[in-house]
């Protein structure tokens, strides 16, 4: 990919730190092995994870501030994808929906899209989708990626697979613009134009059946878990050489984790209160902290506090 880092690499790194490592998650799944699965059971081809979504999913709308995992900003790109992905190891941009970037002049970034990129409904990913997505953030200034327009003058289609990003003459910042190219999920314009016309408050649209360009599709969702099924027609197989290994990803709601029972709490309290005082770092004796709900206060001598 030519001229991705450019001469403002230091500024880009400062801005791109906001992206984090989550955007490479989908690619990492593909590195776990082959995708044949001929000798694996269904359980062996299912990845169980937790900790990203707490409670019932509010919506799967990437423009919403309350979007559920993985459609919220800076999440694993299982359903929606960005133009580029940030490599936290060396500060470079890796191809995503875009195949390359060039800078014919200091104020222009020309992005070439992957020639075979497709949406999960079979339609090709085009420059119209990129222009629509960024224009949506310009029209509706409350979207998470709307601040990209602080540094942009225009986003223009050159041909079906090429988009030119013109930097703002007043606030040209190539580093932040590259960061925004890593953060902004591209939307299928052939679907979202109708969604926008029917939902003036587009951030409130639930998008229960999201259609993206990523390697997984939403299978089911409830308060207990989210289930994603691998999309075997994923365009990225031709670029990366294989599909992601897990045929299913199941995210268990973090609120379904069983809390500690009162018995275990009582056991901890008893063992703590019945144990002799422990030695502090200075060799002095210090008392055991009170168990939750206990009226017994913790006492510490002035000498122990000085430690």
C-alpha atoms as a PDB file:
ATOM      1  CA  UNK A   1       0.000   0.000   0.000  1.00  0.00           C
ATOM      2  CA  UNK A   2       1.671   3.175  -1.174  1.00  0.00           C
ATOM      3  CA  UNK A   3       2.187   6.352   0.793  1.00  0.00           C
ATOM      4  CA  UNK A   4       0.056   5.322   3.749  1.00  0.00           C
ATOM      5  CA  UNK A   5       2.177   6.769   6.518  1.00  0.00           C
ATOM      6  CA  UNK A   6       3.177   9.975   4.732  1.00  0.00           C
ATOM      7  CA  UNK A   7       5.293  12.722   6.209  1.00  0.00           C
ATOM      8  CA  UNK A   8       3.004  13.326   9.216  1.00  0.00           C
ATOM      9  CA  UNK A   9       3.516   9.912  10.822  1.00  0.00           C
ATOM     10  CA  UNK A  10       4.115  11.441  14.250  1.00  0.00           C
ATOM     11  CA  UNK A  11       0.774  13.279  14.153  1.00  0.00           C
ATOM     12  CA  UNK A  12      -0.976  10.201  12.837  1.00  0.00           C
ATOM     13  CA  UNK A  13       0.338   8.035  15.663  1.00  0.00           C
ATOM     14  CA  UNK A  14      -0.907  10.544  18.213  1.00  0.00           C
ATOM     15  CA  UNK A  15      -4.393  10.469  16.734  1.00  0.00           C
ATOM     16  CA  UNK A  16      -4.480   6.786  15.917  1.00  0.00           C
ATOM     17  CA  UNK A  17      -3.888   5.885  19.554  1.00  0.00           C
ATOM     18  CA  UNK A  18      -7.619   6.441  19.936  1.00  0.00           C
ATOM     19  CA  UNK A  19      -8.342   3.526  17.662  1.00  0.00           C
ATOM     20  CA  UNK A  20      -6.795   0.815  19.832  1.00  0.00           C
ATOM     21  CA  UNK A  21      -6.333  -2.766  18.790  1.00  0.00           C
ATOM     22  CA  UNK A  22      -9.967  -3.801  18.509  1.00  0.00           C
ATOM     23  CA  UNK A  23     -10.176  -3.201  14.771  1.00  0.00           C
ATOM     24  CA  UNK A  24      -7.865  -6.087  13.958  1.00  0.00           C
ATOM     25  CA  UNK A  25      -9.988  -8.634  15.818  1.00  0.00           C
ATOM     26  CA  UNK A  26     -11.673 -10.127  12.781  1.00  0.00           C
ATOM     27  CA  UNK A  27      -8.335 -10.590  11.031  1.00  0.00           C
ATOM     28  CA  UNK A  28      -6.933 -12.274  14.117  1.00  0.00           C
ATOM     29  CA  UNK A  29      -9.713 -14.850  14.006  1.00  0.00           C
ATOM     30  CA  UNK A  30      -8.552 -15.902  10.570  1.00  0.00           C
ATOM     31  CA  UNK A  31      -5.057 -16.609  11.843  1.00  0.00           C
ATOM     32  CA  UNK A  32      -6.109 -19.401  14.206  1.00  0.00           C
ATOM     33  CA  UNK A  33      -5.934 -22.238  11.658  1.00  0.00           C
ATOM     34  CA  UNK A  34      -7.620 -23.518   8.532  1.00  0.00           C
ATOM     35  CA  UNK A  35     -11.313 -23.142   7.782  1.00  0.00           C
ATOM     36  CA  UNK A  36     -12.109 -26.670   6.626  1.00  0.00           C
ATOM     37  CA  UNK A  37     -13.638 -27.890   9.872  1.00  0.00           C
ATOM     38  CA  UNK A  38     -14.007 -31.406   8.418  1.00  0.00           C
ATOM     39  CA  UNK A  39     -12.828 -33.139  11.581  1.00  0.00           C
ATOM     40  CA  UNK A  40     -14.143 -30.702  14.155  1.00  0.00           C
ATOM     41  CA  UNK A  41     -17.390 -30.899  16.100  1.00  0.00           C
ATOM     42  CA  UNK A  42     -19.797 -27.973  16.226  1.00  0.00           C
ATOM     43  CA  UNK A  43     -18.629 -27.201  19.747  1.00  0.00           C
ATOM     44  CA  UNK A  44     -15.003 -27.145  18.613  1.00  0.00           C
ATOM     45  CA  UNK A  45     -15.915 -24.658  15.903  1.00  0.00           C
ATOM     46  CA  UNK A  46     -17.682 -22.295  18.310  1.00  0.00           C
ATOM     47  CA  UNK A  47     -15.846 -19.462  20.035  1.00  0.00           C
ATOM     48  CA  UNK A  48     -17.340 -18.451  23.397  1.00  0.00           C
ATOM     49  CA  UNK A  49     -16.430 -14.994  24.653  1.00  0.00           C
ATOM     50  CA  UNK A  50     -17.718 -12.476  27.207  1.00  0.00           C
ATOM     51  CA  UNK A  51     -17.025  -9.048  28.636  1.00  0.00           C
ATOM     52  CA  UNK A  52     -17.866  -6.833  25.654  1.00  0.00           C
ATOM     53  CA  UNK A  53     -21.643  -6.550  26.052  1.00  0.00           C
ATOM     54  CA  UNK A  54     -23.372  -5.982  29.394  1.00  0.00           C
ATOM     55  CA  UNK A  55     -27.048  -6.838  29.466  1.00  0.00           C
ATOM     56  CA  UNK A  56     -29.564  -6.899  26.597  1.00  0.00           C
ATOM     57  CA  UNK A  57     -28.375  -5.341  23.310  1.00  0.00           C
ATOM     58  CA  UNK A  58     -30.146  -1.993  22.739  1.00  0.00           C
ATOM     59  CA  UNK A  59     -29.574  -1.996  18.962  1.00  0.00           C
ATOM     60  CA  UNK A  60     -27.109  -2.932  16.218  1.00  0.00           C
ATOM     61  CA  UNK A  61     -27.026   0.491  14.615  1.00  0.00           C
ATOM     62  CA  UNK A  62     -23.420   1.652  14.104  1.00  0.00           C
ATOM     63  CA  UNK A  63     -24.557   5.291  14.072  1.00  0.00           C
ATOM     64  CA  UNK A  64     -26.108   4.966  17.542  1.00  0.00           C
ATOM     65  CA  UNK A  65     -24.214   5.952  20.710  1.00  0.00           C
ATOM     66  CA  UNK A  66     -25.756   2.906  22.429  1.00  0.00           C
ATOM     67  CA  UNK A  67     -24.974   0.318  19.739  1.00  0.00           C
ATOM     68  CA  UNK A  68     -24.369  -3.204  21.020  1.00  0.00           C
ATOM     69  CA  UNK A  69     -21.166  -5.120  20.497  1.00  0.00           C
ATOM     70  CA  UNK A  70     -19.725  -5.509  17.889  1.00  0.00           C
ATOM     71  CA  UNK A  71     -21.419  -2.649  16.007  1.00  0.00           C
ATOM     72  CA  UNK A  72     -20.332   0.114  18.387  1.00  0.00           C
ATOM     73  CA  UNK A  73     -17.343   2.239  17.417  1.00  0.00           C
ATOM     74  CA  UNK A  74     -13.868   0.709  17.765  1.00  0.00           C
ATOM     75  CA  UNK A  75     -15.086  -2.870  18.162  1.00  0.00           C
ATOM     76  CA  UNK A  76     -14.165  -6.099  16.387  1.00  0.00           C
ATOM     77  CA  UNK A  77     -15.139  -5.782  12.746  1.00  0.00           C
ATOM     78  CA  UNK A  78     -17.355  -8.838  12.585  1.00  0.00           C
ATOM     79  CA  UNK A  79     -20.280  -7.213  10.763  1.00  0.00           C
ATOM     80  CA  UNK A  80     -19.274  -3.703   9.690  1.00  0.00           C
ATOM     81  CA  UNK A  81     -15.817  -2.820   8.438  1.00  0.00           C
ATOM     82  CA  UNK A  82     -13.696   0.279   7.987  1.00  0.00           C
ATOM     83  CA  UNK A  83     -11.552   1.339   5.046  1.00  0.00           C
ATOM     84  CA  UNK A  84      -8.297   0.627   6.867  1.00  0.00           C
ATOM     85  CA  UNK A  85      -7.166  -1.083  10.036  1.00  0.00           C
ATOM     86  CA  UNK A  86      -4.574   0.345  12.387  1.00  0.00           C
ATOM     87  CA  UNK A  87      -1.552  -1.811  13.219  1.00  0.00           C
ATOM     88  CA  UNK A  88      -0.728  -0.941  16.806  1.00  0.00           C
ATOM     89  CA  UNK A  89       2.697  -2.625  16.515  1.00  0.00           C
ATOM     90  CA  UNK A  90       4.232  -0.394  13.858  1.00  0.00           C
ATOM     91  CA  UNK A  91       1.750   2.458  13.415  1.00  0.00           C
ATOM     92  CA  UNK A  92       0.913   1.557   9.818  1.00  0.00           C
ATOM     93  CA  UNK A  93      -2.441   1.205   8.089  1.00  0.00           C
ATOM     94  CA  UNK A  94      -3.498  -2.206   6.842  1.00  0.00           C
ATOM     95  CA  UNK A  95      -5.995  -2.731   4.022  1.00  0.00           C
ATOM     96  CA  UNK A  96      -9.619  -3.200   4.987  1.00  0.00           C
ATOM     97  CA  UNK A  97     -12.414  -2.329   2.584  1.00  0.00           C
ATOM     98  CA  UNK A  98      -9.772  -0.161   0.938  1.00  0.00           C
ATOM     99  CA  UNK A  99      -6.877  -1.771  -0.882  1.00  0.00           C
ATOM    100  CA  UNK A 100      -4.556   1.236  -0.985  1.00  0.00           C
ATOM    101  CA  UNK A 101      -4.099   4.944  -0.440  1.00  0.00           C
ATOM    102  CA  UNK A 102      -2.053   7.535  -2.329  1.00  0.00           C
ATOM    103  CA  UNK A 103      -1.446  11.264  -1.803  1.00  0.00           C
ATOM    104  CA  UNK A 104      -1.059  13.013  -5.171  1.00  0.00           C
ATOM    105  CA  UNK A 105      -0.692  16.286  -3.271  1.00  0.00           C
ATOM    106  CA  UNK A 106      -0.483  17.246   0.436  1.00  0.00           C
ATOM    107  CA  UNK A 107      -4.197  18.101   0.555  1.00  0.00           C
ATOM    108  CA  UNK A 108      -5.608  14.976  -1.135  1.00  0.00           C
ATOM    109  CA  UNK A 109      -5.894  11.328  -0.126  1.00  0.00           C
ATOM    110  CA  UNK A 110      -7.015   8.975  -2.870  1.00  0.00           C
ATOM    111  CA  UNK A 111      -8.445   5.684  -1.605  1.00  0.00           C
ATOM    112  CA  UNK A 112      -8.828   2.643  -3.844  1.00  0.00           C
ATOM    113  CA  UNK A 113     -11.414   0.085  -2.700  1.00  0.00           C
ATOM    114  CA  UNK A 114     -10.979  -3.676  -2.744  1.00  0.00           C
ATOM    115  CA  UNK A 115     -12.146  -4.775  -6.204  1.00  0.00           C
ATOM    116  CA  UNK A 116     -14.080  -7.803  -4.919  1.00  0.00           C
ATOM    117  CA  UNK A 117     -15.509  -6.349  -1.691  1.00  0.00           C
ATOM    118  CA  UNK A 118     -19.209  -7.170  -1.311  1.00  0.00           C
ATOM    119  CA  UNK A 119     -21.994  -6.632   1.174  1.00  0.00           C
ATOM    120  CA  UNK A 120     -23.609  -9.616   2.831  1.00  0.00           C
ATOM    121  CA  UNK A 121     -26.559  -9.295   0.436  1.00  0.00           C
ATOM    122  CA  UNK A 122     -24.244  -9.751  -2.546  1.00  0.00           C
ATOM    123  CA  UNK A 123     -24.132  -6.110  -3.699  1.00  0.00           C
ATOM    124  CA  UNK A 124     -20.633  -4.711  -4.405  1.00  0.00           C
ATOM    125  CA  UNK A 125     -19.042  -2.231  -2.017  1.00  0.00           C
ATOM    126  CA  UNK A 126     -18.629   0.957  -4.042  1.00  0.00           C
ATOM    127  CA  UNK A 127     -17.420   4.527  -3.810  1.00  0.00           C
ATOM    128  CA  UNK A 128     -21.071   5.559  -3.432  1.00  0.00           C
ATOM    129  CA  UNK A 129     -21.143   3.745  -0.074  1.00  0.00           C
ATOM    130  CA  UNK A 130     -18.068   5.601   1.179  1.00  0.00           C
ATOM    131  CA  UNK A 131     -19.349   8.998   0.033  1.00  0.00           C
ATOM    132  CA  UNK A 132     -22.794   8.354   1.527  1.00  0.00           C
ATOM    133  CA  UNK A 133     -21.337   7.255   4.878  1.00  0.00           C
ATOM    134  CA  UNK A 134     -19.159  10.332   5.294  1.00  0.00           C
ATOM    135  CA  UNK A 135     -21.843  12.710   3.984  1.00  0.00           C
ATOM    136  CA  UNK A 136     -24.232  11.241   6.559  1.00  0.00           C
ATOM    137  CA  UNK A 137     -21.801  12.282   9.285  1.00  0.00           C
ATOM    138  CA  UNK A 138     -21.703  15.766   7.796  1.00  0.00           C
ATOM    139  CA  UNK A 139     -25.497  16.134   7.631  1.00  0.00           C
ATOM    140  CA  UNK A 140     -26.067  14.667  11.100  1.00  0.00           C
ATOM    141  CA  UNK A 141     -23.416  16.259  13.257  1.00  0.00           C
ATOM    142  CA  UNK A 142     -24.056  14.087  16.326  1.00  0.00           C
ATOM    143  CA  UNK A 143     -22.729  10.823  14.874  1.00  0.00           C
ATOM    144  CA  UNK A 144     -19.569   9.405  16.445  1.00  0.00           C
ATOM    145  CA  UNK A 145     -17.527  10.047  13.302  1.00  0.00           C
ATOM    146  CA  UNK A 146     -18.956  13.505  12.501  1.00  0.00           C
ATOM    147  CA  UNK A 147     -15.815  15.218  13.901  1.00  0.00           C
ATOM    148  CA  UNK A 148     -13.978  13.864  10.836  1.00  0.00           C
ATOM    149  CA  UNK A 149     -15.353  16.901   9.031  1.00  0.00           C
ATOM    150  CA  UNK A 150     -13.278  19.208  11.189  1.00  0.00           C
ATOM    151  CA  UNK A 151     -10.365  18.172   8.947  1.00  0.00           C
ATOM    152  CA  UNK A 152     -12.149  17.497   5.635  1.00  0.00           C
ATOM    153  CA  UNK A 153     -13.316  19.790   2.852  1.00  0.00           C
ATOM    154  CA  UNK A 154     -14.972  17.120   0.707  1.00  0.00           C
ATOM    155  CA  UNK A 155     -15.305  13.387   0.019  1.00  0.00           C
ATOM    156  CA  UNK A 156     -15.775  12.766  -3.703  1.00  0.00           C
ATOM    157  CA  UNK A 157     -16.294   9.734  -5.922  1.00  0.00           C
ATOM    158  CA  UNK A 158     -13.709   9.489  -8.711  1.00  0.00           C
ATOM    159  CA  UNK A 159     -14.964   6.180 -10.105  1.00  0.00           C
ATOM    160  CA  UNK A 160     -16.885   3.172  -8.767  1.00  0.00           C
ATOM    161  CA  UNK A 161     -13.901   1.992  -6.734  1.00  0.00           C
ATOM    162  CA  UNK A 162     -12.056   5.256  -5.995  1.00  0.00           C
ATOM    163  CA  UNK A 163     -12.720   8.030  -3.488  1.00  0.00           C
ATOM    164  CA  UNK A 164     -10.827  11.309  -3.047  1.00  0.00           C
ATOM    165  CA  UNK A 165     -10.652  12.844   0.445  1.00  0.00           C
ATOM    166  CA  UNK A 166      -9.862  16.568   0.252  1.00  0.00           C
ATOM    167  CA  UNK A 167      -8.397  18.062   3.423  1.00  0.00           C
ATOM    168  CA  UNK A 168      -9.677  21.303   4.892  1.00  0.00           C
ATOM    169  CA  UNK A 169      -7.403  24.243   4.005  1.00  0.00           C
ATOM    170  CA  UNK A 170      -8.058  25.757   7.434  1.00  0.00           C
ATOM    171  CA  UNK A 171      -7.496  22.621   9.507  1.00  0.00           C
ATOM    172  CA  UNK A 172      -5.593  20.132   7.382  1.00  0.00           C
ATOM    173  CA  UNK A 173      -4.565  17.214   9.602  1.00  0.00           C
ATOM    174  CA  UNK A 174      -3.532  14.110   7.641  1.00  0.00           C
ATOM    175  CA  UNK A 175      -2.950  12.116  10.834  1.00  0.00           C
ATOM    176  CA  UNK A 176      -6.436  12.637  12.216  1.00  0.00           C
ATOM    177  CA  UNK A 177      -7.975  11.993   8.812  1.00  0.00           C
ATOM    178  CA  UNK A 178      -6.183   8.645   8.608  1.00  0.00           C
ATOM    179  CA  UNK A 179      -7.413   7.879  12.101  1.00  0.00           C
ATOM    180  CA  UNK A 180     -10.985   8.562  10.981  1.00  0.00           C
ATOM    181  CA  UNK A 181     -10.537   6.247   7.998  1.00  0.00           C
ATOM    182  CA  UNK A 182      -9.671   3.527  10.524  1.00  0.00           C
ATOM    183  CA  UNK A 183     -12.634   4.272  12.780  1.00  0.00           C
ATOM    184  CA  UNK A 184     -15.580   4.903  10.462  1.00  0.00           C
ATOM    185  CA  UNK A 185     -17.763   1.899   9.603  1.00  0.00           C
ATOM    186  CA  UNK A 186     -18.809   2.055   5.950  1.00  0.00           C
ATOM    187  CA  UNK A 187     -22.568   1.626   5.438  1.00  0.00           C
ATOM    188  CA  UNK A 188     -24.353   0.093   2.426  1.00  0.00           C
ATOM    189  CA  UNK A 189     -25.945   3.134   0.808  1.00  0.00           C
ATOM    190  CA  UNK A 190     -28.498   1.077  -1.129  1.00  0.00           C
ATOM    191  CA  UNK A 191     -30.041   0.120   2.244  1.00  0.00           C
ATOM    192  CA  UNK A 192     -29.317   3.107   4.449  1.00  0.00           C
ATOM    193  CA  UNK A 193     -30.743   5.726   2.104  1.00  0.00           C
ATOM    194  CA  UNK A 194     -34.164   4.147   2.645  1.00  0.00           C
ATOM    195  CA  UNK A 195     -33.493   3.688   6.365  1.00  0.00           C
ATOM    196  CA  UNK A 196     -32.593   7.368   6.668  1.00  0.00           C
ATOM    197  CA  UNK A 197     -35.688   8.523   4.756  1.00  0.00           C
ATOM    198  CA  UNK A 198     -37.943   6.437   7.017  1.00  0.00           C
ATOM    199  CA  UNK A 199     -36.129   7.286  10.248  1.00  0.00           C
ATOM    200  CA  UNK A 200     -35.284  10.998  10.544  1.00  0.00           C
ATOM    201  CA  UNK A 201     -33.706  10.267  13.935  1.00  0.00           C
ATOM    202  CA  UNK A 202     -31.445   7.675  12.408  1.00  0.00           C
ATOM    203  CA  UNK A 203     -29.441   7.022  15.583  1.00  0.00           C
ATOM    204  CA  UNK A 204     -32.623   5.611  17.163  1.00  0.00           C
ATOM    205  CA  UNK A 205     -33.084   2.956  14.469  1.00  0.00           C
ATOM    206  CA  UNK A 206     -32.594  -0.508  16.027  1.00  0.00           C
ATOM    207  CA  UNK A 207     -31.179  -2.253  12.924  1.00  0.00           C
ATOM    208  CA  UNK A 208     -32.116  -5.691  14.258  1.00  0.00           C
ATOM    209  CA  UNK A 209     -30.950  -7.406  11.063  1.00  0.00           C
ATOM    210  CA  UNK A 210     -27.683  -5.672  10.236  1.00  0.00           C
ATOM    211  CA  UNK A 211     -26.191  -6.144   6.775  1.00  0.00           C
ATOM    212  CA  UNK A 212     -22.498  -5.373   6.659  1.00  0.00           C
ATOM    213  CA  UNK A 213     -19.459  -6.427   4.692  1.00  0.00           C
ATOM    214  CA  UNK A 214     -17.778  -8.415   7.481  1.00  0.00           C
ATOM    215  CA  UNK A 215     -17.046 -12.110   8.037  1.00  0.00           C
ATOM    216  CA  UNK A 216     -19.986 -12.766  10.408  1.00  0.00           C
ATOM    217  CA  UNK A 217     -23.743 -12.243  10.429  1.00  0.00           C
ATOM    218  CA  UNK A 218     -25.962 -11.762  13.451  1.00  0.00           C
ATOM    219  CA  UNK A 219     -27.844 -15.028  14.048  1.00  0.00           C
ATOM    220  CA  UNK A 220     -29.768 -14.250  17.248  1.00  0.00           C
ATOM    221  CA  UNK A 221     -29.699 -11.950  20.262  1.00  0.00           C
ATOM    222  CA  UNK A 222     -31.343 -11.761  23.658  1.00  0.00           C
ATOM    223  CA  UNK A 223     -30.549 -10.752  27.217  1.00  0.00           C
ATOM    224  CA  UNK A 224     -28.466 -13.886  27.770  1.00  0.00           C
ATOM    225  CA  UNK A 225     -26.289 -14.071  24.679  1.00  0.00           C
ATOM    226  CA  UNK A 226     -25.443 -12.889  21.173  1.00  0.00           C
ATOM    227  CA  UNK A 227     -24.817 -15.467  18.458  1.00  0.00           C
ATOM    228  CA  UNK A 228     -22.954 -14.764  15.222  1.00  0.00           C
ATOM    229  CA  UNK A 229     -22.612 -17.167  12.302  1.00  0.00           C
ATOM    230  CA  UNK A 230     -19.685 -17.137   9.890  1.00  0.00           C
ATOM    231  CA  UNK A 231     -20.533 -15.751   6.467  1.00  0.00           C
ATOM    232  CA  UNK A 232     -18.886 -18.240   4.132  1.00  0.00           C
ATOM    233  CA  UNK A 233     -19.261 -15.958   1.091  1.00  0.00           C
ATOM    234  CA  UNK A 234     -17.150 -13.303   2.787  1.00  0.00           C
ATOM    235  CA  UNK A 235     -15.196 -11.340   0.175  1.00  0.00           C
ATOM    236  CA  UNK A 236     -12.106 -11.235   2.412  1.00  0.00           C
ATOM    237  CA  UNK A 237     -11.373 -14.928   1.871  1.00  0.00           C
ATOM    238  CA  UNK A 238      -9.923 -14.067  -1.521  1.00  0.00           C
ATOM    239  CA  UNK A 239      -7.650 -11.446   0.028  1.00  0.00           C
ATOM    240  CA  UNK A 240      -6.601 -13.248   3.221  1.00  0.00           C
ATOM    241  CA  UNK A 241      -6.594 -16.733   1.729  1.00  0.00           C
ATOM    242  CA  UNK A 242      -9.095 -18.289   4.153  1.00  0.00           C
ATOM    243  CA  UNK A 243     -12.132 -17.698   6.313  1.00  0.00           C
ATOM    244  CA  UNK A 244     -12.086 -17.157  10.044  1.00  0.00           C
ATOM    245  CA  UNK A 245     -11.904 -20.479  11.900  1.00  0.00           C
ATOM    246  CA  UNK A 246     -14.913 -20.272  14.281  1.00  0.00           C
ATOM    247  CA  UNK A 247     -18.150 -21.068  12.492  1.00  0.00           C
ATOM    248  CA  UNK A 248     -20.006 -19.460  15.380  1.00  0.00           C
ATOM    249  CA  UNK A 249     -19.171 -16.812  17.943  1.00  0.00           C
ATOM    250  CA  UNK A 250     -21.284 -16.813  21.091  1.00  0.00           C
ATOM    251  CA  UNK A 251     -21.033 -13.850  23.433  1.00  0.00           C
ATOM    252  CA  UNK A 252     -22.504 -14.548  26.842  1.00  0.00           C
ATOM    253  CA  UNK A 253     -23.962 -11.529  28.607  1.00  0.00           C
ATOM    254  CA  UNK A 254     -21.693 -10.417  31.423  1.00  0.00           C
ATOM    255  CA  UNK A 255     -24.729 -10.047  33.683  1.00  0.00           C
ATOM    256  CA  UNK A 256     -25.474 -13.742  33.463  1.00  0.00           C
ATOM    257  CA  UNK A 257     -22.352 -14.555  35.452  1.00  0.00           C
ATOM    258  CA  UNK A 258     -23.425 -16.234  38.698  1.00  0.00           C
ATOM    259  CA  UNK A 259     -22.776 -13.976  41.694  1.00  0.00           C
ATOM    260  CA  UNK A 260     -21.133 -15.217  44.853  1.00  0.00           C
ATOM    261  CA  UNK A 261     -23.588 -16.851  47.260  1.00  0.00           C
ATOM    262  CA  UNK A 262     -24.225 -15.586  50.778  1.00  0.00           C
ATOM    263  CA  UNK A 263     -22.624 -18.767  52.079  1.00  0.00           C
ATOM    264  CA  UNK A 264     -19.345 -18.059  50.372  1.00  0.00           C
ATOM    265  CA  UNK A 265     -19.453 -14.468  51.625  1.00  0.00           C
ATOM    266  CA  UNK A 266     -20.041 -15.702  55.162  1.00  0.00           C
ATOM    267  CA  UNK A 267     -17.176 -18.161  54.810  1.00  0.00           C
ATOM    268  CA  UNK A 268     -14.840 -15.402  53.744  1.00  0.00           C
ATOM    269  CA  UNK A 269     -15.993 -13.208  56.598  1.00  0.00           C
ATOM    270  CA  UNK A 270     -15.541 -15.988  59.157  1.00  0.00           C
ATOM    271  CA  UNK A 271     -12.119 -17.010  57.933  1.00  0.00           C
ATOM    272  CA  UNK A 272     -11.007 -13.412  57.934  1.00  0.00           C
ATOM    273  CA  UNK A 273     -12.300 -12.542  61.393  1.00  0.00           C
ATOM    274  CA  UNK A 274     -10.997 -15.758  62.935  1.00  0.00           C
ATOM    275  CA  UNK A 275      -7.492 -15.396  61.527  1.00  0.00           C
ATOM    276  CA  UNK A 276      -4.771 -13.821  63.652  1.00  0.00           C
ATOM    277  CA  UNK A 277      -3.644 -10.322  62.693  1.00  0.00           C
ATOM    278  CA  UNK A 278      -1.230 -10.290  59.775  1.00  0.00           C
ATOM    279  CA  UNK A 279       2.123  -8.544  59.570  1.00  0.00           C
ATOM    280  CA  UNK A 280       2.396  -5.394  57.495  1.00  0.00           C
ATOM    281  CA  UNK A 281       5.326  -4.459  55.310  1.00  0.00           C
ATOM    282  CA  UNK A 282       7.055  -2.787  58.241  1.00  0.00           C
ATOM    283  CA  UNK A 283       6.755  -5.861  60.428  1.00  0.00           C
ATOM    284  CA  UNK A 284       4.007  -4.321  62.619  1.00  0.00           C
ATOM    285  CA  UNK A 285       0.760  -6.136  63.268  1.00  0.00           C
ATOM    286  CA  UNK A 286      -2.325  -4.904  61.416  1.00  0.00           C
ATOM    287  CA  UNK A 287      -5.941  -5.886  61.831  1.00  0.00           C
ATOM    288  CA  UNK A 288      -8.069  -7.685  59.275  1.00  0.00           C
ATOM    289  CA  UNK A 289     -10.442  -5.454  57.245  1.00  0.00           C
ATOM    290  CA  UNK A 290     -14.111  -5.734  58.107  1.00  0.00           C
ATOM    291  CA  UNK A 291     -16.282  -8.063  56.058  1.00  0.00           C
ATOM    292  CA  UNK A 292     -19.005  -6.450  53.911  1.00  0.00           C
ATOM    293  CA  UNK A 293     -22.010  -5.600  56.071  1.00  0.00           C
ATOM    294  CA  UNK A 294     -20.080  -5.920  59.320  1.00  0.00           C
ATOM    295  CA  UNK A 295     -20.351  -3.213  61.974  1.00  0.00           C
ATOM    296  CA  UNK A 296     -16.841  -3.919  63.152  1.00  0.00           C
ATOM    297  CA  UNK A 297     -14.486  -1.132  62.168  1.00  0.00           C
ATOM    298  CA  UNK A 298     -10.949  -1.503  60.961  1.00  0.00           C
ATOM    299  CA  UNK A 299      -8.383  -0.232  63.429  1.00  0.00           C
ATOM    300  CA  UNK A 300      -4.906   0.765  62.461  1.00  0.00           C
ATOM    301  CA  UNK A 301      -2.316   2.217  64.808  1.00  0.00           C
ATOM    302  CA  UNK A 302      -0.612   5.528  63.994  1.00  0.00           C
ATOM    303  CA  UNK A 303       2.632   3.591  63.546  1.00  0.00           C
ATOM    304  CA  UNK A 304       1.014   1.251  61.041  1.00  0.00           C
ATOM    305  CA  UNK A 305      -0.465   4.223  59.145  1.00  0.00           C
ATOM    306  CA  UNK A 306       2.990   5.669  58.786  1.00  0.00           C
ATOM    307  CA  UNK A 307       3.998   2.495  56.909  1.00  0.00           C
END
